[in-house]
N, C-alpha and C. Protein backbone atom coordinates (compact mmCIF):
# COMPACT_ATOMS: atom_id res chain seq x y z
N MET A 1 23.95 -35.45 2.34
CA MET A 1 24.25 -34.83 3.61
C MET A 1 24.01 -35.81 4.74
N SER A 2 24.76 -35.71 5.76
CA SER A 2 24.59 -36.60 6.91
C SER A 2 23.42 -36.11 7.75
N LEU A 3 23.01 -36.99 8.65
CA LEU A 3 21.90 -36.64 9.54
C LEU A 3 22.27 -35.43 10.40
N ALA A 4 23.52 -35.36 10.85
CA ALA A 4 23.95 -34.22 11.66
C ALA A 4 23.88 -32.93 10.87
N GLY A 5 24.25 -32.96 9.59
CA GLY A 5 24.17 -31.77 8.74
C GLY A 5 22.75 -31.32 8.53
N ASP A 6 21.83 -32.27 8.39
CA ASP A 6 20.42 -31.94 8.20
C ASP A 6 19.82 -31.30 9.45
N ILE A 7 20.23 -31.79 10.62
CA ILE A 7 19.69 -31.26 11.86
C ILE A 7 20.14 -29.82 12.06
N GLU A 8 21.36 -29.48 11.71
CA GLU A 8 21.87 -28.13 11.88
C GLU A 8 21.31 -27.16 10.84
N PHE A 9 20.67 -27.68 9.80
CA PHE A 9 20.13 -26.84 8.74
C PHE A 9 18.97 -25.98 9.21
N HIS A 10 18.40 -26.30 10.37
CA HIS A 10 17.27 -25.52 10.88
C HIS A 10 17.66 -24.07 11.14
N TYR A 11 18.91 -23.81 11.47
CA TYR A 11 19.36 -22.43 11.67
C TYR A 11 19.23 -21.63 10.37
N THR A 12 19.48 -22.28 9.26
CA THR A 12 19.35 -21.61 7.96
C THR A 12 17.90 -21.20 7.72
N TRP A 13 16.95 -22.08 8.04
CA TRP A 13 15.53 -21.76 7.87
C TRP A 13 15.12 -20.62 8.79
N LEU A 14 15.59 -20.65 10.02
CA LEU A 14 15.25 -19.57 10.96
C LEU A 14 15.84 -18.25 10.48
N ALA A 15 17.08 -18.28 10.00
CA ALA A 15 17.69 -17.06 9.46
C ALA A 15 16.94 -16.56 8.23
N LEU A 16 16.55 -17.49 7.35
CA LEU A 16 15.79 -17.11 6.16
C LEU A 16 14.46 -16.46 6.56
N GLY A 17 13.81 -17.01 7.59
CA GLY A 17 12.57 -16.42 8.08
C GLY A 17 12.76 -15.00 8.57
N LEU A 18 13.84 -14.77 9.29
CA LEU A 18 14.12 -13.41 9.78
C LEU A 18 14.46 -12.46 8.63
N VAL A 19 15.22 -12.94 7.65
CA VAL A 19 15.56 -12.11 6.49
C VAL A 19 14.29 -11.74 5.72
N LEU A 20 13.40 -12.71 5.53
CA LEU A 20 12.15 -12.42 4.82
C LEU A 20 11.27 -11.44 5.61
N ALA A 21 11.26 -11.55 6.93
CA ALA A 21 10.47 -10.63 7.76
C ALA A 21 11.04 -9.21 7.65
N VAL A 22 12.36 -9.09 7.67
CA VAL A 22 12.99 -7.77 7.52
C VAL A 22 12.71 -7.22 6.12
N ALA A 23 12.77 -8.08 5.11
CA ALA A 23 12.47 -7.65 3.74
C ALA A 23 11.03 -7.15 3.64
N GLU A 24 10.12 -7.77 4.35
CA GLU A 24 8.72 -7.32 4.35
C GLU A 24 8.61 -5.91 4.94
N MET A 25 9.40 -5.63 5.95
CA MET A 25 9.38 -4.29 6.55
C MET A 25 10.01 -3.27 5.61
N ALA A 26 11.04 -3.66 4.88
CA ALA A 26 11.72 -2.75 3.96
C ALA A 26 10.91 -2.52 2.69
N ILE A 27 10.24 -3.57 2.22
CA ILE A 27 9.46 -3.51 0.99
C ILE A 27 8.06 -4.04 1.31
N PRO A 28 7.22 -3.23 1.96
CA PRO A 28 5.92 -3.74 2.39
C PRO A 28 5.04 -4.13 1.21
N GLY A 29 4.44 -5.26 1.33
CA GLY A 29 3.53 -5.72 0.29
C GLY A 29 2.62 -6.82 0.82
N VAL A 30 2.76 -7.16 2.09
CA VAL A 30 2.00 -8.20 2.78
C VAL A 30 2.06 -9.51 1.99
N PHE A 31 3.26 -9.88 1.59
CA PHE A 31 3.47 -11.15 0.90
C PHE A 31 4.62 -11.91 1.53
N LEU A 32 5.74 -11.24 1.70
CA LEU A 32 6.92 -11.90 2.24
C LEU A 32 6.74 -12.35 3.69
N ILE A 33 5.88 -11.67 4.42
CA ILE A 33 5.69 -12.03 5.83
C ILE A 33 5.14 -13.44 5.97
N TRP A 34 4.29 -13.85 5.02
CA TRP A 34 3.73 -15.20 5.07
C TRP A 34 4.81 -16.24 4.77
N MET A 35 5.69 -15.90 3.84
CA MET A 35 6.79 -16.81 3.53
C MET A 35 7.79 -16.84 4.69
N ALA A 36 7.94 -15.72 5.38
CA ALA A 36 8.80 -15.69 6.56
C ALA A 36 8.25 -16.64 7.62
N GLY A 37 6.95 -16.61 7.81
CA GLY A 37 6.31 -17.53 8.76
C GLY A 37 6.53 -18.98 8.37
N ALA A 38 6.44 -19.25 7.07
CA ALA A 38 6.66 -20.62 6.58
C ALA A 38 8.11 -21.05 6.82
N ALA A 39 9.06 -20.14 6.61
CA ALA A 39 10.47 -20.47 6.84
C ALA A 39 10.73 -20.70 8.33
N LEU A 40 10.14 -19.87 9.18
CA LEU A 40 10.31 -20.06 10.62
C LEU A 40 9.69 -21.38 11.07
N ALA A 41 8.50 -21.69 10.55
CA ALA A 41 7.85 -22.97 10.89
C ALA A 41 8.70 -24.14 10.41
N THR A 42 9.26 -24.03 9.21
CA THR A 42 10.13 -25.08 8.69
C THR A 42 11.35 -25.23 9.60
N GLY A 43 11.92 -24.13 10.03
CA GLY A 43 13.07 -24.18 10.94
C GLY A 43 12.74 -24.86 12.25
N LEU A 44 11.58 -24.54 12.81
CA LEU A 44 11.19 -25.16 14.08
C LEU A 44 10.91 -26.66 13.91
N ILE A 45 10.26 -27.01 12.80
CA ILE A 45 9.96 -28.42 12.54
C ILE A 45 11.26 -29.21 12.34
N THR A 46 12.20 -28.65 11.57
CA THR A 46 13.46 -29.36 11.33
C THR A 46 14.34 -29.39 12.58
N TRP A 47 14.09 -28.50 13.51
CA TRP A 47 14.83 -28.53 14.77
C TRP A 47 14.40 -29.75 15.59
N VAL A 48 13.10 -30.06 15.51
CA VAL A 48 12.54 -31.16 16.29
C VAL A 48 12.67 -32.50 15.55
N LEU A 49 12.39 -32.50 14.25
CA LEU A 49 12.41 -33.74 13.46
C LEU A 49 13.63 -33.79 12.56
N PRO A 50 14.38 -34.88 12.58
CA PRO A 50 15.55 -35.01 11.70
C PRO A 50 15.14 -35.42 10.28
N ILE A 51 14.78 -34.42 9.46
CA ILE A 51 14.36 -34.71 8.09
C ILE A 51 15.40 -34.18 7.11
N GLY A 52 15.45 -34.78 5.94
CA GLY A 52 16.43 -34.41 4.93
C GLY A 52 16.13 -33.07 4.28
N VAL A 53 17.14 -32.51 3.64
CA VAL A 53 17.02 -31.20 2.99
C VAL A 53 15.94 -31.20 1.90
N PRO A 54 15.86 -32.22 1.02
CA PRO A 54 14.80 -32.19 0.01
C PRO A 54 13.40 -32.13 0.64
N ILE A 55 13.20 -32.84 1.72
CA ILE A 55 11.89 -32.81 2.40
C ILE A 55 11.68 -31.44 3.05
N GLN A 56 12.75 -30.86 3.58
CA GLN A 56 12.65 -29.53 4.17
C GLN A 56 12.22 -28.51 3.12
N ILE A 57 12.81 -28.59 1.94
CA ILE A 57 12.45 -27.66 0.86
C ILE A 57 11.00 -27.86 0.45
N GLY A 58 10.59 -29.12 0.33
CA GLY A 58 9.18 -29.40 0.00
C GLY A 58 8.25 -28.90 1.08
N LEU A 59 8.63 -29.09 2.35
CA LEU A 59 7.83 -28.61 3.48
C LEU A 59 7.70 -27.09 3.42
N PHE A 60 8.82 -26.41 3.16
CA PHE A 60 8.79 -24.94 3.06
C PHE A 60 7.87 -24.51 1.92
N ALA A 61 7.95 -25.18 0.77
CA ALA A 61 7.10 -24.82 -0.37
C ALA A 61 5.62 -24.99 -0.02
N VAL A 62 5.28 -26.10 0.59
CA VAL A 62 3.88 -26.36 0.96
C VAL A 62 3.41 -25.34 2.00
N LEU A 63 4.22 -25.13 3.03
CA LEU A 63 3.85 -24.16 4.07
C LEU A 63 3.74 -22.74 3.51
N SER A 64 4.61 -22.40 2.56
CA SER A 64 4.55 -21.06 1.93
C SER A 64 3.24 -20.88 1.19
N ILE A 65 2.87 -21.88 0.39
CA ILE A 65 1.62 -21.79 -0.38
C ILE A 65 0.42 -21.67 0.55
N ILE A 66 0.39 -22.50 1.57
CA ILE A 66 -0.71 -22.45 2.54
C ILE A 66 -0.74 -21.10 3.25
N ALA A 67 0.42 -20.63 3.71
CA ALA A 67 0.49 -19.37 4.44
C ALA A 67 0.05 -18.20 3.57
N VAL A 68 0.48 -18.17 2.31
CA VAL A 68 0.10 -17.06 1.42
C VAL A 68 -1.40 -17.07 1.18
N PHE A 69 -1.98 -18.23 0.89
CA PHE A 69 -3.43 -18.28 0.64
C PHE A 69 -4.23 -17.94 1.89
N VAL A 70 -3.84 -18.46 3.05
CA VAL A 70 -4.54 -18.15 4.29
C VAL A 70 -4.38 -16.66 4.61
N GLY A 71 -3.17 -16.14 4.44
CA GLY A 71 -2.92 -14.72 4.71
C GLY A 71 -3.72 -13.81 3.80
N ARG A 72 -3.76 -14.13 2.50
CA ARG A 72 -4.53 -13.31 1.56
C ARG A 72 -6.02 -13.34 1.92
N ARG A 73 -6.49 -14.50 2.29
CA ARG A 73 -7.90 -14.63 2.66
C ARG A 73 -8.20 -13.79 3.91
N TYR A 74 -7.29 -13.84 4.87
CA TYR A 74 -7.46 -13.05 6.09
C TYR A 74 -7.48 -11.56 5.78
N ILE A 75 -6.54 -11.11 4.95
CA ILE A 75 -6.48 -9.69 4.58
C ILE A 75 -7.74 -9.27 3.83
N ASP A 76 -8.25 -10.13 2.95
CA ASP A 76 -9.48 -9.80 2.22
C ASP A 76 -10.67 -9.66 3.16
N ARG A 77 -10.72 -10.50 4.19
CA ARG A 77 -11.84 -10.46 5.13
C ARG A 77 -11.69 -9.39 6.20
N HIS A 78 -10.46 -8.99 6.49
CA HIS A 78 -10.18 -7.98 7.52
C HIS A 78 -9.31 -6.89 6.93
N PRO A 79 -9.86 -6.07 6.03
CA PRO A 79 -9.03 -5.04 5.40
C PRO A 79 -8.55 -4.00 6.43
N VAL A 80 -7.39 -3.45 6.14
CA VAL A 80 -6.82 -2.41 6.99
C VAL A 80 -7.51 -1.10 6.64
N VAL A 81 -8.14 -0.49 7.63
CA VAL A 81 -8.85 0.76 7.43
C VAL A 81 -7.89 1.91 7.76
N SER A 82 -7.72 2.78 6.81
CA SER A 82 -6.80 3.90 6.99
C SER A 82 -7.41 4.94 7.91
N ALA A 83 -6.57 5.52 8.76
CA ALA A 83 -7.03 6.60 9.63
C ALA A 83 -7.31 7.86 8.82
N ASP A 84 -6.65 7.99 7.68
CA ASP A 84 -6.84 9.14 6.80
C ASP A 84 -6.88 8.64 5.36
N PRO A 85 -8.04 8.21 4.87
CA PRO A 85 -8.12 7.61 3.53
C PRO A 85 -7.75 8.57 2.39
N LYS A 86 -7.77 9.86 2.65
CA LYS A 86 -7.44 10.83 1.60
C LYS A 86 -5.98 11.29 1.67
N MET A 87 -5.16 10.59 2.46
CA MET A 87 -3.79 11.02 2.71
C MET A 87 -3.00 11.25 1.42
N ASN A 88 -3.09 10.36 0.48
CA ASN A 88 -2.31 10.47 -0.75
C ASN A 88 -3.12 10.97 -1.93
N ASP A 89 -4.27 11.55 -1.67
CA ASP A 89 -5.13 12.08 -2.73
C ASP A 89 -5.37 13.55 -2.46
N ARG A 90 -4.42 14.37 -2.89
CA ARG A 90 -4.47 15.80 -2.58
C ARG A 90 -5.74 16.45 -3.14
N GLY A 91 -6.18 16.01 -4.31
CA GLY A 91 -7.40 16.58 -4.89
C GLY A 91 -8.61 16.35 -4.00
N ALA A 92 -8.73 15.16 -3.44
CA ALA A 92 -9.86 14.85 -2.57
C ALA A 92 -9.76 15.60 -1.24
N ARG A 93 -8.56 15.86 -0.79
CA ARG A 93 -8.38 16.56 0.48
C ARG A 93 -8.84 18.01 0.42
N VAL A 94 -8.87 18.61 -0.77
CA VAL A 94 -9.18 20.03 -0.87
C VAL A 94 -10.65 20.30 -1.20
N ILE A 95 -11.45 19.27 -1.35
CA ILE A 95 -12.87 19.47 -1.64
C ILE A 95 -13.50 20.27 -0.49
N GLY A 96 -14.22 21.31 -0.86
CA GLY A 96 -14.85 22.20 0.12
C GLY A 96 -14.03 23.45 0.40
N GLU A 97 -12.77 23.48 -0.03
CA GLU A 97 -11.92 24.65 0.18
C GLU A 97 -12.36 25.78 -0.76
N THR A 98 -12.00 26.99 -0.37
CA THR A 98 -12.29 28.17 -1.19
C THR A 98 -11.05 28.54 -1.98
N VAL A 99 -11.24 28.88 -3.27
CA VAL A 99 -10.14 29.26 -4.15
C VAL A 99 -10.47 30.61 -4.79
N VAL A 100 -9.43 31.24 -5.36
CA VAL A 100 -9.61 32.51 -6.06
C VAL A 100 -9.19 32.30 -7.50
N VAL A 101 -10.01 32.77 -8.42
CA VAL A 101 -9.71 32.63 -9.85
C VAL A 101 -8.53 33.54 -10.21
N THR A 102 -7.48 32.97 -10.83
CA THR A 102 -6.31 33.74 -11.24
C THR A 102 -6.26 33.93 -12.75
N GLN A 103 -6.88 33.03 -13.47
CA GLN A 103 -7.03 33.16 -14.93
C GLN A 103 -8.49 32.88 -15.20
N ALA A 104 -9.18 33.83 -15.80
CA ALA A 104 -10.63 33.74 -15.97
C ALA A 104 -11.05 32.36 -16.48
N ILE A 105 -12.12 31.86 -15.89
CA ILE A 105 -12.68 30.60 -16.36
C ILE A 105 -13.63 30.95 -17.49
N GLU A 106 -13.22 30.59 -18.71
CA GLU A 106 -14.01 30.86 -19.92
C GLU A 106 -14.16 29.56 -20.68
N GLY A 107 -15.37 29.28 -21.08
CA GLY A 107 -15.61 28.03 -21.79
C GLY A 107 -15.41 26.83 -20.88
N GLY A 108 -15.53 27.07 -19.57
CA GLY A 108 -15.41 25.98 -18.60
C GLY A 108 -14.00 25.70 -18.13
N GLN A 109 -12.98 26.40 -18.65
CA GLN A 109 -11.58 26.14 -18.27
C GLN A 109 -10.93 27.42 -17.76
N GLY A 110 -10.05 27.29 -16.75
CA GLY A 110 -9.31 28.42 -16.23
C GLY A 110 -8.32 27.96 -15.18
N ARG A 111 -7.84 28.91 -14.36
CA ARG A 111 -6.88 28.58 -13.31
C ARG A 111 -7.34 29.25 -12.01
N VAL A 112 -7.07 28.56 -10.90
CA VAL A 112 -7.42 29.09 -9.58
C VAL A 112 -6.22 28.96 -8.65
N LYS A 113 -6.20 29.83 -7.62
CA LYS A 113 -5.13 29.78 -6.64
C LYS A 113 -5.66 29.08 -5.39
N LEU A 114 -4.91 28.05 -4.98
CA LEU A 114 -5.23 27.31 -3.77
C LEU A 114 -3.96 27.30 -2.92
N GLY A 115 -4.03 27.97 -1.78
CA GLY A 115 -2.83 28.08 -0.95
C GLY A 115 -1.78 28.89 -1.68
N ASP A 116 -0.60 28.29 -1.90
CA ASP A 116 0.47 29.02 -2.60
C ASP A 116 0.70 28.47 -4.00
N SER A 117 -0.25 27.72 -4.54
CA SER A 117 -0.07 27.17 -5.89
C SER A 117 -1.31 27.40 -6.74
N GLU A 118 -1.09 27.33 -8.04
CA GLU A 118 -2.20 27.48 -8.99
C GLU A 118 -2.56 26.12 -9.55
N TRP A 119 -3.85 25.92 -9.76
CA TRP A 119 -4.35 24.67 -10.30
C TRP A 119 -5.21 24.97 -11.52
N LEU A 120 -5.25 24.02 -12.43
CA LEU A 120 -6.22 24.09 -13.52
C LEU A 120 -7.59 23.90 -12.91
N ALA A 121 -8.58 24.59 -13.46
CA ALA A 121 -9.92 24.49 -12.90
C ALA A 121 -10.94 24.36 -14.02
N ARG A 122 -12.04 23.70 -13.68
CA ARG A 122 -13.14 23.52 -14.62
C ARG A 122 -14.42 23.89 -13.86
N GLY A 123 -15.26 24.65 -14.52
CA GLY A 123 -16.52 25.05 -13.89
C GLY A 123 -17.19 26.15 -14.70
N ALA A 124 -18.18 26.75 -14.09
CA ALA A 124 -18.93 27.83 -14.73
C ALA A 124 -18.00 29.03 -14.92
N ASP A 125 -18.25 29.81 -15.97
CA ASP A 125 -17.43 30.98 -16.27
C ASP A 125 -17.37 31.91 -15.05
N ALA A 126 -16.15 32.41 -14.79
CA ALA A 126 -15.94 33.32 -13.66
C ALA A 126 -14.78 34.25 -13.99
N ALA A 127 -14.87 35.48 -13.50
CA ALA A 127 -13.83 36.49 -13.75
C ALA A 127 -12.68 36.32 -12.75
N VAL A 128 -11.54 36.91 -13.10
CA VAL A 128 -10.37 36.90 -12.22
C VAL A 128 -10.77 37.55 -10.89
N GLY A 129 -10.33 36.93 -9.78
CA GLY A 129 -10.64 37.47 -8.45
C GLY A 129 -11.88 36.87 -7.81
N THR A 130 -12.68 36.15 -8.59
CA THR A 130 -13.90 35.54 -8.06
C THR A 130 -13.52 34.41 -7.09
N ARG A 131 -14.23 34.36 -5.96
CA ARG A 131 -14.00 33.27 -5.00
C ARG A 131 -14.98 32.14 -5.33
N LEU A 132 -14.44 30.92 -5.41
CA LEU A 132 -15.23 29.73 -5.73
C LEU A 132 -14.94 28.63 -4.72
N ARG A 133 -15.78 27.63 -4.69
CA ARG A 133 -15.59 26.48 -3.80
C ARG A 133 -15.26 25.26 -4.65
N ILE A 134 -14.33 24.45 -4.17
CA ILE A 134 -13.96 23.22 -4.87
C ILE A 134 -15.01 22.16 -4.56
N SER A 135 -15.62 21.61 -5.62
CA SER A 135 -16.65 20.59 -5.43
C SER A 135 -16.18 19.19 -5.82
N GLY A 136 -15.01 19.11 -6.42
CA GLY A 136 -14.48 17.81 -6.82
C GLY A 136 -13.19 17.99 -7.60
N HIS A 137 -12.72 16.90 -8.18
CA HIS A 137 -11.51 16.99 -9.00
C HIS A 137 -11.55 15.88 -10.04
N ASP A 138 -10.87 16.15 -11.13
CA ASP A 138 -10.73 15.17 -12.21
C ASP A 138 -9.24 15.07 -12.48
N GLY A 139 -8.57 14.18 -11.78
CA GLY A 139 -7.11 14.11 -11.86
C GLY A 139 -6.52 15.33 -11.18
N VAL A 140 -5.80 16.15 -11.96
CA VAL A 140 -5.17 17.35 -11.40
C VAL A 140 -6.00 18.60 -11.69
N VAL A 141 -7.17 18.44 -12.26
CA VAL A 141 -8.04 19.57 -12.58
C VAL A 141 -9.11 19.66 -11.48
N LEU A 142 -9.19 20.83 -10.84
CA LEU A 142 -10.20 21.04 -9.83
C LEU A 142 -11.53 21.41 -10.45
N VAL A 143 -12.59 20.85 -9.92
CA VAL A 143 -13.94 21.20 -10.36
C VAL A 143 -14.45 22.22 -9.33
N VAL A 144 -14.83 23.41 -9.82
CA VAL A 144 -15.22 24.49 -8.92
C VAL A 144 -16.64 24.91 -9.19
N GLU A 145 -17.24 25.54 -8.15
CA GLU A 145 -18.61 26.04 -8.26
C GLU A 145 -18.72 27.31 -7.44
N PRO A 146 -19.71 28.11 -7.75
CA PRO A 146 -19.89 29.35 -6.99
C PRO A 146 -20.19 29.04 -5.53
N ILE A 147 -19.75 29.93 -4.65
CA ILE A 147 -20.03 29.76 -3.23
C ILE A 147 -21.48 30.12 -3.00
N ALA A 148 -22.20 29.22 -2.33
CA ALA A 148 -23.64 29.44 -2.10
C ALA A 148 -23.87 30.13 -0.79
């Protein structure tokens, strides 16, 4: 490639950086954003310095590795704290709620009604109609106890 062709190649790096940033938004995983930064940095560097395509590719590879490691380290040291840590854990969200036994709990197993659905339940024996409190969950099975 001629020197003029190499100089114009910076637009490709800038476009690749934008594509990777959009891909990070579409498929979040906090990985592509670091590579997007490396592509944008490569584009800016090649805009200023007339370097060949093989060196540009090597520069992108080195910057990508550095960006990913620095980014992972930053994320490990500054974790994102969720405003609602139980958002995707329905079992944890219902701890403390009151339920009604719909199928007698015998031998530690039965069914309870929570809202408009029935759940498998585990706990002390209880007759149909008994009100219990959810004290925990084991997967999709609610752990229930008598209301104190």
